Amino acid sequence: MSSKQSILNALKSVAVAPQAMPPINVSPRLDDVIGQFETNLGTVAGTLHREGGLAALQAKVDELIKEGKQVISQVEGVTGNRSAPETAHELKDIDFAVIPGDVAVAENGAIWVNNQHLGHRVTPFICENLFLVVSADKVVANLHEAIKQIGLNSGEFGVFIAGPSKTADIEQALVVGAHGACSLNVYLI
């Protein structure tokens, strides 16, 4: 018998019977989930816009378009100056993307988005700046609550986005926007 086989046999002889995962019941302890979300979003370099909703966002988009910026919107009620592209390569010069978020998490400032609303799944990562739109009643206290509200079917893509892209090297030089958007603005509706 090979040494590999003897090791595998030894492991089988001491194998522990499978155990069911214990239930995890974490009660939310936040009185002001939106305030906590705003604080933690700010910690990860994002900005929350509580007032004005879609009208304020459309006014900002209109201002950006007047400045010559390229804006794509996947949010109903907000119109950009670029239509949905045929291929992801056509997104290479997008300055701002407006995307709906499904759930926002107060404990870490993250927002769940999935490919059902993205157009192309590369959209939030290839744009220079990102606007996410989240319904105020979809802000939850923690990830335990968020996971109960989200799901992915086979072949779908979803991701939590927490602030703009950031990376740092060993010399502790922080670079914002190296792997994705340089800024994140969240509009609460």
N, C-alpha and C. Protein backbone atom coordinates (compact mmCIF):
# COMPACT_ATOMS: atom_id res chain seq x y z
N MET A 1 0.85 -1.18 0.00
CA MET A 1 0.00 0.00 0.00
C MET A 1 0.90 1.25 0.00
N SER A 2 0.49 2.23 -0.78
CA SER A 2 1.27 3.47 -0.87
C SER A 2 1.08 4.30 0.39
N SER A 3 2.03 5.22 0.61
CA SER A 3 1.91 6.10 1.78
C SER A 3 0.66 6.98 1.66
N LYS A 4 0.35 7.37 0.44
CA LYS A 4 -0.87 8.18 0.23
C LYS A 4 -2.09 7.39 0.67
N GLN A 5 -2.18 6.13 0.26
CA GLN A 5 -3.34 5.32 0.60
C GLN A 5 -3.42 5.06 2.10
N SER A 6 -2.28 4.86 2.75
CA SER A 6 -2.31 4.62 4.19
C SER A 6 -2.78 5.87 4.94
N ILE A 7 -2.40 7.05 4.46
CA ILE A 7 -2.87 8.30 5.08
C ILE A 7 -4.37 8.43 4.90
N LEU A 8 -4.87 8.18 3.69
CA LEU A 8 -6.31 8.28 3.43
C LEU A 8 -7.09 7.28 4.28
N ASN A 9 -6.59 6.07 4.43
CA ASN A 9 -7.26 5.07 5.27
C ASN A 9 -7.28 5.51 6.72
N ALA A 10 -6.18 6.09 7.19
CA ALA A 10 -6.13 6.57 8.57
C ALA A 10 -7.14 7.68 8.79
N LEU A 11 -7.28 8.56 7.81
CA LEU A 11 -8.26 9.64 7.94
C LEU A 11 -9.68 9.10 7.96
N LYS A 12 -9.96 8.10 7.14
CA LYS A 12 -11.31 7.51 7.11
C LYS A 12 -11.65 6.85 8.45
N SER A 13 -10.66 6.29 9.12
CA SER A 13 -10.93 5.58 10.37
C SER A 13 -11.27 6.54 11.51
N VAL A 14 -10.88 7.79 11.41
CA VAL A 14 -11.19 8.76 12.47
C VAL A 14 -12.18 9.83 12.01
N ALA A 15 -12.85 9.59 10.90
CA ALA A 15 -13.79 10.58 10.36
C ALA A 15 -14.93 10.84 11.34
N VAL A 16 -15.29 12.07 11.47
CA VAL A 16 -16.39 12.48 12.34
C VAL A 16 -17.68 12.47 11.52
N ALA A 17 -18.74 12.01 12.12
CA ALA A 17 -20.03 11.97 11.44
C ALA A 17 -20.49 13.39 11.13
N PRO A 18 -21.10 13.58 9.95
CA PRO A 18 -21.58 14.93 9.60
C PRO A 18 -22.61 15.44 10.61
N GLN A 19 -22.53 16.72 10.89
CA GLN A 19 -23.46 17.36 11.81
C GLN A 19 -24.20 18.48 11.09
N ALA A 20 -25.47 18.64 11.42
CA ALA A 20 -26.25 19.73 10.84
C ALA A 20 -25.73 21.06 11.39
N MET A 21 -25.78 22.10 10.54
CA MET A 21 -25.38 23.42 11.00
C MET A 21 -26.39 23.93 12.02
N PRO A 22 -25.92 24.56 13.07
CA PRO A 22 -26.87 25.11 14.04
C PRO A 22 -27.59 26.32 13.45
N PRO A 23 -28.81 26.57 13.87
CA PRO A 23 -29.49 27.77 13.37
C PRO A 23 -28.82 29.02 13.92
N ILE A 24 -28.76 30.04 13.09
CA ILE A 24 -28.17 31.31 13.52
C ILE A 24 -29.30 32.33 13.57
N ASN A 25 -29.63 32.73 14.76
CA ASN A 25 -30.68 33.72 14.95
C ASN A 25 -30.07 34.95 15.60
N VAL A 26 -29.80 35.95 14.78
CA VAL A 26 -29.21 37.18 15.29
C VAL A 26 -30.27 38.27 15.19
N SER A 27 -30.67 38.77 16.31
CA SER A 27 -31.68 39.83 16.32
C SER A 27 -31.01 41.16 16.05
N PRO A 28 -31.62 41.98 15.19
CA PRO A 28 -31.05 43.30 14.96
C PRO A 28 -31.15 44.15 16.22
N ARG A 29 -30.08 44.92 16.49
CA ARG A 29 -30.05 45.73 17.70
C ARG A 29 -29.90 47.21 17.38
N LEU A 30 -30.27 47.59 16.19
CA LEU A 30 -30.11 48.99 15.81
C LEU A 30 -31.47 49.68 15.82
N ASP A 31 -31.50 50.84 16.44
CA ASP A 31 -32.73 51.64 16.42
C ASP A 31 -32.80 52.47 15.15
N ASP A 32 -31.66 52.93 14.68
CA ASP A 32 -31.60 53.81 13.51
C ASP A 32 -30.74 53.14 12.44
N VAL A 33 -31.33 52.21 11.67
CA VAL A 33 -30.54 51.48 10.68
C VAL A 33 -30.03 52.40 9.58
N ILE A 34 -30.80 53.39 9.20
CA ILE A 34 -30.35 54.28 8.12
C ILE A 34 -29.19 55.15 8.61
N GLY A 35 -29.26 55.62 9.85
CA GLY A 35 -28.14 56.39 10.41
C GLY A 35 -26.88 55.55 10.50
N GLN A 36 -27.02 54.30 10.93
CA GLN A 36 -25.86 53.41 11.02
C GLN A 36 -25.33 53.09 9.63
N PHE A 37 -26.23 52.90 8.66
CA PHE A 37 -25.81 52.65 7.28
C PHE A 37 -25.01 53.85 6.76
N GLU A 38 -25.51 55.06 7.01
CA GLU A 38 -24.82 56.27 6.56
C GLU A 38 -23.43 56.38 7.18
N THR A 39 -23.32 56.09 8.47
CA THR A 39 -22.02 56.14 9.16
C THR A 39 -21.04 55.15 8.55
N ASN A 40 -21.49 53.91 8.38
CA ASN A 40 -20.58 52.88 7.86
C ASN A 40 -20.30 53.06 6.37
N LEU A 41 -21.24 53.58 5.61
CA LEU A 41 -20.98 53.89 4.21
C LEU A 41 -19.91 54.98 4.12
N GLY A 42 -19.99 55.97 5.00
CA GLY A 42 -18.96 57.01 5.04
C GLY A 42 -17.59 56.46 5.42
N THR A 43 -17.58 55.48 6.30
CA THR A 43 -16.33 54.84 6.72
C THR A 43 -15.61 54.17 5.54
N VAL A 44 -16.40 53.64 4.58
CA VAL A 44 -15.80 52.98 3.42
C VAL A 44 -15.73 53.93 2.22
N ALA A 45 -15.83 55.24 2.48
CA ALA A 45 -15.65 56.30 1.49
C ALA A 45 -16.82 56.46 0.53
N GLY A 46 -18.01 56.03 0.92
CA GLY A 46 -19.21 56.28 0.12
C GLY A 46 -19.98 57.45 0.70
N THR A 47 -20.96 57.94 -0.06
CA THR A 47 -21.78 59.07 0.38
C THR A 47 -23.25 58.71 0.23
N LEU A 48 -24.03 58.96 1.28
CA LEU A 48 -25.47 58.71 1.25
C LEU A 48 -26.21 60.02 1.02
N HIS A 49 -27.16 60.00 0.10
CA HIS A 49 -28.04 61.14 -0.16
C HIS A 49 -29.43 60.75 0.30
N ARG A 50 -29.85 61.28 1.44
CA ARG A 50 -31.14 60.91 2.03
C ARG A 50 -32.31 61.68 1.41
N GLU A 51 -32.06 62.90 1.01
CA GLU A 51 -33.14 63.78 0.56
C GLU A 51 -33.25 63.85 -0.95
N GLY A 52 -34.46 64.03 -1.44
CA GLY A 52 -34.67 64.31 -2.86
C GLY A 52 -34.94 63.10 -3.73
N GLY A 53 -34.48 61.94 -3.34
CA GLY A 53 -34.75 60.70 -4.07
C GLY A 53 -34.35 60.74 -5.53
N LEU A 54 -35.23 60.19 -6.38
CA LEU A 54 -34.93 60.10 -7.81
C LEU A 54 -34.86 61.47 -8.49
N ALA A 55 -35.64 62.43 -8.00
CA ALA A 55 -35.61 63.78 -8.59
C ALA A 55 -34.23 64.42 -8.39
N ALA A 56 -33.67 64.27 -7.19
CA ALA A 56 -32.34 64.82 -6.92
C ALA A 56 -31.29 64.10 -7.76
N LEU A 57 -31.44 62.80 -7.91
CA LEU A 57 -30.49 62.04 -8.73
C LEU A 57 -30.59 62.44 -10.19
N GLN A 58 -31.81 62.61 -10.70
CA GLN A 58 -31.96 63.03 -12.10
C GLN A 58 -31.37 64.42 -12.31
N ALA A 59 -31.54 65.32 -11.34
CA ALA A 59 -30.94 66.65 -11.45
C ALA A 59 -29.41 66.55 -11.51
N LYS A 60 -28.83 65.66 -10.70
CA LYS A 60 -27.37 65.47 -10.72
C LYS A 60 -26.93 64.88 -12.06
N VAL A 61 -27.68 63.91 -12.57
CA VAL A 61 -27.37 63.30 -13.88
C VAL A 61 -27.44 64.35 -14.98
N ASP A 62 -28.48 65.19 -14.96
CA ASP A 62 -28.62 66.25 -15.97
C ASP A 62 -27.43 67.20 -15.93
N GLU A 63 -26.98 67.54 -14.71
CA GLU A 63 -25.82 68.42 -14.54
C GLU A 63 -24.56 67.76 -15.13
N LEU A 64 -24.39 66.48 -14.89
CA LEU A 64 -23.22 65.75 -15.41
C LEU A 64 -23.25 65.67 -16.94
N ILE A 65 -24.43 65.47 -17.49
CA ILE A 65 -24.57 65.40 -18.96
C ILE A 65 -24.21 66.75 -19.58
N LYS A 66 -24.64 67.86 -18.94
CA LYS A 66 -24.28 69.20 -19.43
C LYS A 66 -22.78 69.42 -19.42
N GLU A 67 -22.08 68.73 -18.50
CA GLU A 67 -20.62 68.83 -18.43
C GLU A 67 -19.93 67.93 -19.45
N GLY A 68 -20.72 67.19 -20.22
CA GLY A 68 -20.15 66.31 -21.24
C GLY A 68 -19.83 64.90 -20.76
N LYS A 69 -20.30 64.54 -19.59
CA LYS A 69 -20.03 63.21 -19.04
C LYS A 69 -20.95 62.18 -19.70
N GLN A 70 -20.47 60.94 -19.76
CA GLN A 70 -21.24 59.83 -20.29
C GLN A 70 -21.89 59.09 -19.13
N VAL A 71 -23.23 59.03 -19.14
CA VAL A 71 -23.99 58.45 -18.03
C VAL A 71 -24.92 57.38 -18.57
N ILE A 72 -24.86 56.20 -17.97
CA ILE A 72 -25.78 55.12 -18.30
C ILE A 72 -26.64 54.86 -17.07
N SER A 73 -27.94 54.68 -17.28
CA SER A 73 -28.83 54.43 -16.15
C SER A 73 -29.60 53.14 -16.36
N GLN A 74 -29.62 52.33 -15.33
CA GLN A 74 -30.41 51.10 -15.30
C GLN A 74 -31.59 51.26 -14.34
N VAL A 75 -31.81 52.48 -13.86
CA VAL A 75 -32.87 52.76 -12.90
C VAL A 75 -34.04 53.42 -13.61
N GLU A 76 -35.20 52.83 -13.46
CA GLU A 76 -36.42 53.42 -14.04
C GLU A 76 -36.68 54.76 -13.37
N GLY A 77 -36.90 55.79 -14.19
CA GLY A 77 -37.14 57.13 -13.66
C GLY A 77 -35.91 58.02 -13.70
N VAL A 78 -34.76 57.46 -14.07
CA VAL A 78 -33.53 58.25 -14.21
C VAL A 78 -32.99 58.00 -15.61
N THR A 79 -32.82 59.08 -16.37
CA THR A 79 -32.40 58.96 -17.77
C THR A 79 -31.00 59.50 -17.96
N GLY A 80 -30.12 58.67 -18.51
CA GLY A 80 -28.77 59.09 -18.85
C GLY A 80 -28.69 59.46 -20.31
N ASN A 81 -27.49 59.66 -20.82
CA ASN A 81 -27.31 60.00 -22.23
C ASN A 81 -26.72 58.84 -23.03
N ARG A 82 -26.61 57.68 -22.43
CA ARG A 82 -26.14 56.48 -23.12
C ARG A 82 -27.16 55.37 -22.94
N SER A 83 -27.44 54.66 -24.01
CA SER A 83 -28.37 53.54 -23.93
C SER A 83 -27.61 52.27 -23.56
N ALA A 84 -28.36 51.23 -23.25
CA ALA A 84 -27.75 49.95 -22.89
C ALA A 84 -26.92 49.44 -24.07
N PRO A 85 -25.68 49.11 -23.84
CA PRO A 85 -24.80 48.67 -24.93
C PRO A 85 -25.07 47.23 -25.35
N GLU A 86 -24.64 46.91 -26.55
CA GLU A 86 -24.73 45.54 -27.05
C GLU A 86 -23.69 44.65 -26.38
N THR A 87 -22.49 45.18 -26.17
CA THR A 87 -21.41 44.41 -25.55
C THR A 87 -20.82 45.18 -24.38
N ALA A 88 -20.17 44.47 -23.50
CA ALA A 88 -19.53 45.10 -22.34
C ALA A 88 -18.40 46.05 -22.76
N HIS A 89 -17.78 45.80 -23.91
CA HIS A 89 -16.69 46.65 -24.38
C HIS A 89 -17.16 48.09 -24.64
N GLU A 90 -18.43 48.26 -24.93
CA GLU A 90 -18.97 49.60 -25.19
C GLU A 90 -19.09 50.43 -23.92
N LEU A 91 -18.86 49.82 -22.77
CA LEU A 91 -18.92 50.54 -21.49
C LEU A 91 -17.58 51.18 -21.11
N LYS A 92 -16.56 51.02 -21.93
CA LYS A 92 -15.21 51.45 -21.55
C LYS A 92 -15.09 52.94 -21.27
N ASP A 93 -15.95 53.77 -21.82
CA ASP A 93 -15.84 55.21 -21.60
C ASP A 93 -17.00 55.78 -20.77
N ILE A 94 -17.64 54.94 -19.98
CA ILE A 94 -18.73 55.40 -19.12
C ILE A 94 -18.15 56.13 -17.90
N ASP A 95 -18.59 57.37 -17.72
CA ASP A 95 -18.13 58.15 -16.56
C ASP A 95 -18.95 57.82 -15.31
N PHE A 96 -20.27 57.68 -15.48
CA PHE A 96 -21.16 57.42 -14.35
C PHE A 96 -22.16 56.34 -14.73
N ALA A 97 -22.39 55.41 -13.81
CA ALA A 97 -23.42 54.40 -13.98
C ALA A 97 -24.42 54.54 -12.84
N VAL A 98 -25.70 54.44 -13.17
CA VAL A 98 -26.78 54.51 -12.18
C VAL A 98 -27.42 53.13 -12.14
N ILE A 99 -27.34 52.47 -10.99
CA ILE A 99 -27.77 51.08 -10.86
C ILE A 99 -28.63 50.93 -9.61
N PRO A 100 -29.68 50.11 -9.69
CA PRO A 100 -30.47 49.86 -8.48
C PRO A 100 -29.77 48.86 -7.55
N GLY A 101 -29.86 49.10 -6.27
CA GLY A 101 -29.39 48.16 -5.27
C GLY A 101 -30.59 47.45 -4.67
N ASP A 102 -30.43 46.18 -4.35
CA ASP A 102 -31.55 45.40 -3.82
C ASP A 102 -31.69 45.51 -2.31
N VAL A 103 -30.56 45.44 -1.60
CA VAL A 103 -30.56 45.48 -0.14
C VAL A 103 -29.31 46.24 0.31
N ALA A 104 -29.46 47.08 1.32
CA ALA A 104 -28.33 47.79 1.92
C ALA A 104 -28.15 47.30 3.35
N VAL A 105 -26.90 47.17 3.79
CA VAL A 105 -26.59 46.59 5.10
C VAL A 105 -25.98 47.66 6.00
N ALA A 106 -26.66 47.95 7.10
CA ALA A 106 -26.22 49.01 8.01
C ALA A 106 -24.90 48.70 8.69
N GLU A 107 -24.65 47.43 9.05
CA GLU A 107 -23.46 47.11 9.83
C GLU A 107 -22.15 47.31 9.08
N ASN A 108 -22.18 47.33 7.74
CA ASN A 108 -20.93 47.49 7.01
C ASN A 108 -21.02 48.44 5.81
N GLY A 109 -22.18 49.03 5.55
CA GLY A 109 -22.31 49.98 4.46
C GLY A 109 -22.31 49.35 3.08
N ALA A 110 -22.57 48.05 2.99
CA ALA A 110 -22.56 47.34 1.71
C ALA A 110 -23.95 47.33 1.08
N ILE A 111 -23.98 47.28 -0.25
CA ILE A 111 -25.23 47.23 -1.00
C ILE A 111 -25.16 46.03 -1.94
N TRP A 112 -26.21 45.21 -1.94
CA TRP A 112 -26.28 44.03 -2.81
C TRP A 112 -26.87 44.44 -4.16
N VAL A 113 -26.17 44.10 -5.22
CA VAL A 113 -26.69 44.29 -6.58
C VAL A 113 -26.56 42.96 -7.31
N ASN A 114 -27.47 42.72 -8.25
CA ASN A 114 -27.35 41.50 -9.04
C ASN A 114 -27.54 41.79 -10.51
N ASN A 115 -27.21 40.82 -11.34
CA ASN A 115 -27.18 41.05 -12.78
C ASN A 115 -28.55 41.26 -13.40
N GLN A 116 -29.62 41.04 -12.68
CA GLN A 116 -30.95 41.30 -13.23
C GLN A 116 -31.15 42.77 -13.53
N HIS A 117 -30.40 43.64 -12.86
CA HIS A 117 -30.57 45.08 -13.01
C HIS A 117 -29.34 45.79 -13.57
N LEU A 118 -28.30 45.06 -13.90
CA LEU A 118 -27.04 45.69 -14.28
C LEU A 118 -26.88 45.95 -15.76
N GLY A 119 -27.63 45.27 -16.60
CA GLY A 119 -27.31 45.27 -18.01
C GLY A 119 -26.19 44.27 -18.20
N HIS A 120 -24.96 44.75 -18.20
CA HIS A 120 -23.79 43.87 -18.18
C HIS A 120 -23.25 43.82 -16.77
N ARG A 121 -22.80 42.65 -16.34
CA ARG A 121 -22.33 42.53 -14.96
C ARG A 121 -21.04 43.30 -14.69
N VAL A 122 -20.37 43.75 -15.72
CA VAL A 122 -19.14 44.52 -15.55
C VAL A 122 -19.44 46.00 -15.24
N THR A 123 -20.69 46.42 -15.42
CA THR A 123 -21.06 47.84 -15.30
C THR A 123 -20.57 48.51 -14.02
N PRO A 124 -20.82 47.96 -12.82
CA PRO A 124 -20.39 48.70 -11.62
C PRO A 124 -18.88 48.76 -11.42
N PHE A 125 -18.14 47.96 -12.19
CA PHE A 125 -16.70 47.90 -12.01
C PHE A 125 -15.93 48.69 -13.07
N ILE A 126 -16.53 48.89 -14.24
CA ILE A 126 -15.82 49.56 -15.32
C ILE A 126 -16.12 51.05 -15.37
N CYS A 127 -17.23 51.48 -14.77
CA CYS A 127 -17.54 52.90 -14.77
C CYS A 127 -16.57 53.64 -13.86
N GLU A 128 -16.38 54.92 -14.12
CA GLU A 128 -15.49 55.72 -13.27
C GLU A 128 -16.13 56.08 -11.93
N ASN A 129 -17.45 56.28 -11.95
CA ASN A 129 -18.18 56.67 -10.74
C ASN A 129 -19.50 55.93 -10.73
N LEU A 130 -19.96 55.59 -9.54
CA LEU A 130 -21.14 54.75 -9.41
C LEU A 130 -22.19 55.40 -8.53
N PHE A 131 -23.42 55.43 -9.03
CA PHE A 131 -24.59 55.83 -8.24
C PHE A 131 -25.42 54.58 -8.01
N LEU A 132 -25.73 54.27 -6.76
CA LEU A 132 -26.63 53.17 -6.44
C LEU A 132 -27.90 53.75 -5.84
N VAL A 133 -29.03 53.18 -6.22
CA VAL A 133 -30.32 53.63 -5.73
C VAL A 133 -30.91 52.51 -4.88
N VAL A 134 -31.25 52.83 -3.62
CA VAL A 134 -31.77 51.84 -2.70
C VAL A 134 -33.03 52.38 -2.03
N SER A 135 -34.03 51.53 -1.92
CA SER A 135 -35.25 51.89 -1.22
C SER A 135 -34.97 51.91 0.29
N ALA A 136 -35.48 52.91 0.98
CA ALA A 136 -35.24 53.06 2.41
C ALA A 136 -35.72 51.84 3.20
N ASP A 137 -36.78 51.19 2.73
CA ASP A 137 -37.26 50.01 3.45
C ASP A 137 -36.45 48.76 3.17
N LYS A 138 -35.42 48.89 2.35
CA LYS A 138 -34.53 47.77 2.05
C LYS A 138 -33.18 47.90 2.77
N VAL A 139 -33.09 48.82 3.72
CA VAL A 139 -31.89 48.94 4.54
C VAL A 139 -32.11 48.05 5.76
N VAL A 140 -31.23 47.05 5.92
CA VAL A 140 -31.36 46.11 7.03
C VAL A 140 -30.18 46.28 7.98
N ALA A 141 -30.33 45.76 9.19
CA ALA A 141 -29.32 45.97 10.23
C ALA A 141 -28.03 45.20 9.99
N ASN A 142 -28.13 43.96 9.52
CA ASN A 142 -26.92 43.14 9.42
C ASN A 142 -26.99 42.18 8.23
N LEU A 143 -25.88 41.50 8.00
CA LEU A 143 -25.81 40.56 6.87
C LEU A 143 -26.74 39.37 7.05
N HIS A 144 -27.02 38.97 8.28
CA HIS A 144 -27.95 37.87 8.52
C HIS A 144 -29.32 38.20 7.95
N GLU A 145 -29.77 39.43 8.15
CA GLU A 145 -31.05 39.87 7.60
C GLU A 145 -30.98 40.00 6.08
N ALA A 146 -29.87 40.49 5.58
CA ALA A 146 -29.71 40.69 4.13
C ALA A 146 -29.77 39.35 3.39
N ILE A 147 -29.10 38.35 3.91
CA ILE A 147 -29.05 37.05 3.24
C ILE A 147 -30.44 36.45 3.11
N LYS A 148 -31.31 36.73 4.05
CA LYS A 148 -32.70 36.23 3.97
C LYS A 148 -33.47 36.85 2.81
N GLN A 149 -33.03 38.03 2.35
CA GLN A 149 -33.76 38.75 1.30
C GLN A 149 -33.18 38.57 -0.09
N ILE A 150 -32.01 37.97 -0.19
CA ILE A 150 -31.40 37.85 -1.51
C ILE A 150 -31.28 36.39 -1.90
N GLY A 151 -31.14 36.17 -3.19
CA GLY A 151 -30.93 34.83 -3.70
C GLY A 151 -30.46 34.92 -5.13
N LEU A 152 -29.82 33.86 -5.57
CA LEU A 152 -29.34 33.79 -6.94
C LEU A 152 -29.80 32.49 -7.56
N ASN A 153 -30.35 32.58 -8.73
CA ASN A 153 -30.66 31.38 -9.48
C ASN A 153 -29.42 30.95 -10.24
N SER A 154 -29.44 29.75 -10.74
CA SER A 154 -28.31 29.23 -11.49
C SER A 154 -27.96 30.18 -12.64
N GLY A 155 -26.68 30.52 -12.74
CA GLY A 155 -26.21 31.40 -13.80
C GLY A 155 -26.29 32.88 -13.50
N GLU A 156 -26.86 33.25 -12.36
CA GLU A 156 -26.94 34.67 -12.01
C GLU A 156 -25.68 35.13 -11.29
N PHE A 157 -25.48 36.43 -11.28
CA PHE A 157 -24.33 37.06 -10.66
C PHE A 157 -24.82 38.10 -9.67
N GLY A 158 -24.24 38.13 -8.49
CA GLY A 158 -24.56 39.15 -7.51
C GLY A 158 -23.34 39.48 -6.68
N VAL A 159 -23.32 40.70 -6.12
CA VAL A 159 -22.15 41.14 -5.37
C VAL A 159 -22.57 42.22 -4.36
N PHE A 160 -21.91 42.20 -3.21
CA PHE A 160 -22.04 43.30 -2.26
C PHE A 160 -20.98 44.33 -2.64
N ILE A 161 -21.41 45.59 -2.77
CA ILE A 161 -20.48 46.68 -3.06
C ILE A 161 -20.44 47.58 -1.83
N ALA A 162 -19.25 47.80 -1.30
CA ALA A 162 -19.07 48.64 -0.12
C ALA A 162 -18.06 49.72 -0.45
N GLY A 163 -18.54 50.86 -0.86
CA GLY A 163 -17.66 51.99 -1.16
C GLY A 163 -17.01 51.86 -2.52
N PRO A 164 -16.25 52.87 -2.90
CA PRO A 164 -15.51 52.80 -4.16
C PRO A 164 -14.39 51.78 -4.05
N SER A 165 -13.83 51.41 -5.19
CA SER A 165 -12.72 50.47 -5.22
C SER A 165 -11.52 51.06 -4.48
N LYS A 166 -10.88 50.23 -3.66
CA LYS A 166 -9.70 50.68 -2.91
C LYS A 166 -8.69 49.55 -2.83
N THR A 167 -7.44 49.90 -2.85
CA THR A 167 -6.37 48.93 -2.62
C THR A 167 -5.20 49.67 -1.99
N ALA A 168 -4.38 48.95 -1.27
CA ALA A 168 -3.20 49.56 -0.65
C ALA A 168 -2.03 48.59 -0.78
N ASP A 169 -0.84 49.13 -0.91
CA ASP A 169 0.33 48.28 -1.01
C ASP A 169 1.02 48.19 0.35
N ILE A 170 2.13 47.50 0.38
CA ILE A 170 2.84 47.28 1.62
C ILE A 170 3.36 48.57 2.25
N GLU A 171 3.52 49.60 1.44
CA GLU A 171 3.98 50.89 1.96
C GLU A 171 2.81 51.73 2.46
N GLN A 172 1.64 51.14 2.49
CA GLN A 172 0.42 51.76 2.99
C GLN A 172 -0.02 52.96 2.17
N ALA A 173 0.20 52.89 0.87
CA ALA A 173 -0.28 53.93 -0.03
C ALA A 173 -1.64 53.48 -0.55
N LEU A 174 -2.69 54.20 -0.17
CA LEU A 174 -4.05 53.84 -0.58
C LEU A 174 -4.34 54.39 -1.97
N VAL A 175 -4.85 53.53 -2.83
CA VAL A 175 -5.23 53.92 -4.19
C VAL A 175 -6.73 53.67 -4.33
N VAL A 176 -7.47 54.71 -4.66
CA VAL A 176 -8.91 54.59 -4.86
C VAL A 176 -9.18 54.50 -6.35
N GLY A 177 -10.03 53.55 -6.73
CA GLY A 177 -10.41 53.41 -8.13
C GLY A 177 -9.52 52.52 -8.96
N ALA A 178 -8.64 51.77 -8.33
CA ALA A 178 -7.71 50.92 -9.08
C ALA A 178 -8.43 49.76 -9.75
N HIS A 179 -9.44 49.21 -9.12
CA HIS A 179 -10.11 48.02 -9.62
C HIS A 179 -11.59 48.25 -9.90
N GLY A 180 -12.03 49.48 -9.92
CA GLY A 180 -13.44 49.77 -10.12
C GLY A 180 -13.70 51.25 -9.99
N ALA A 181 -14.92 51.58 -9.61
CA ALA A 181 -15.35 52.97 -9.53
C ALA A 181 -14.51 53.78 -8.53
N CYS A 182 -14.27 55.05 -8.88
CA CYS A 182 -13.51 55.96 -8.01
C CYS A 182 -14.38 56.59 -6.93
N SER A 183 -15.70 56.58 -7.13
CA SER A 183 -16.60 57.14 -6.12
C SER A 183 -17.89 56.35 -6.09
N LEU A 184 -18.54 56.35 -4.93
CA LEU A 184 -19.84 55.71 -4.75
C LEU A 184 -20.77 56.67 -4.03
N ASN A 185 -21.88 56.96 -4.70
CA ASN A 185 -22.96 57.76 -4.11
C ASN A 185 -24.21 56.92 -4.07
N VAL A 186 -24.83 56.84 -2.90
CA VAL A 186 -26.05 56.05 -2.72
C VAL A 186 -27.21 57.00 -2.51
N TYR A 187 -28.23 56.86 -3.35
CA TYR A 187 -29.45 57.67 -3.23
C TYR A 187 -30.54 56.82 -2.60
N LEU A 188 -31.07 57.31 -1.50
CA LEU A 188 -32.13 56.61 -0.78
C LEU A 188 -33.49 57.08 -1.32
N ILE A 189 -34.34 56.15 -1.65
CA ILE A 189 -35.69 56.51 -2.12
C ILE A 189 -36.74 55.90 -1.21
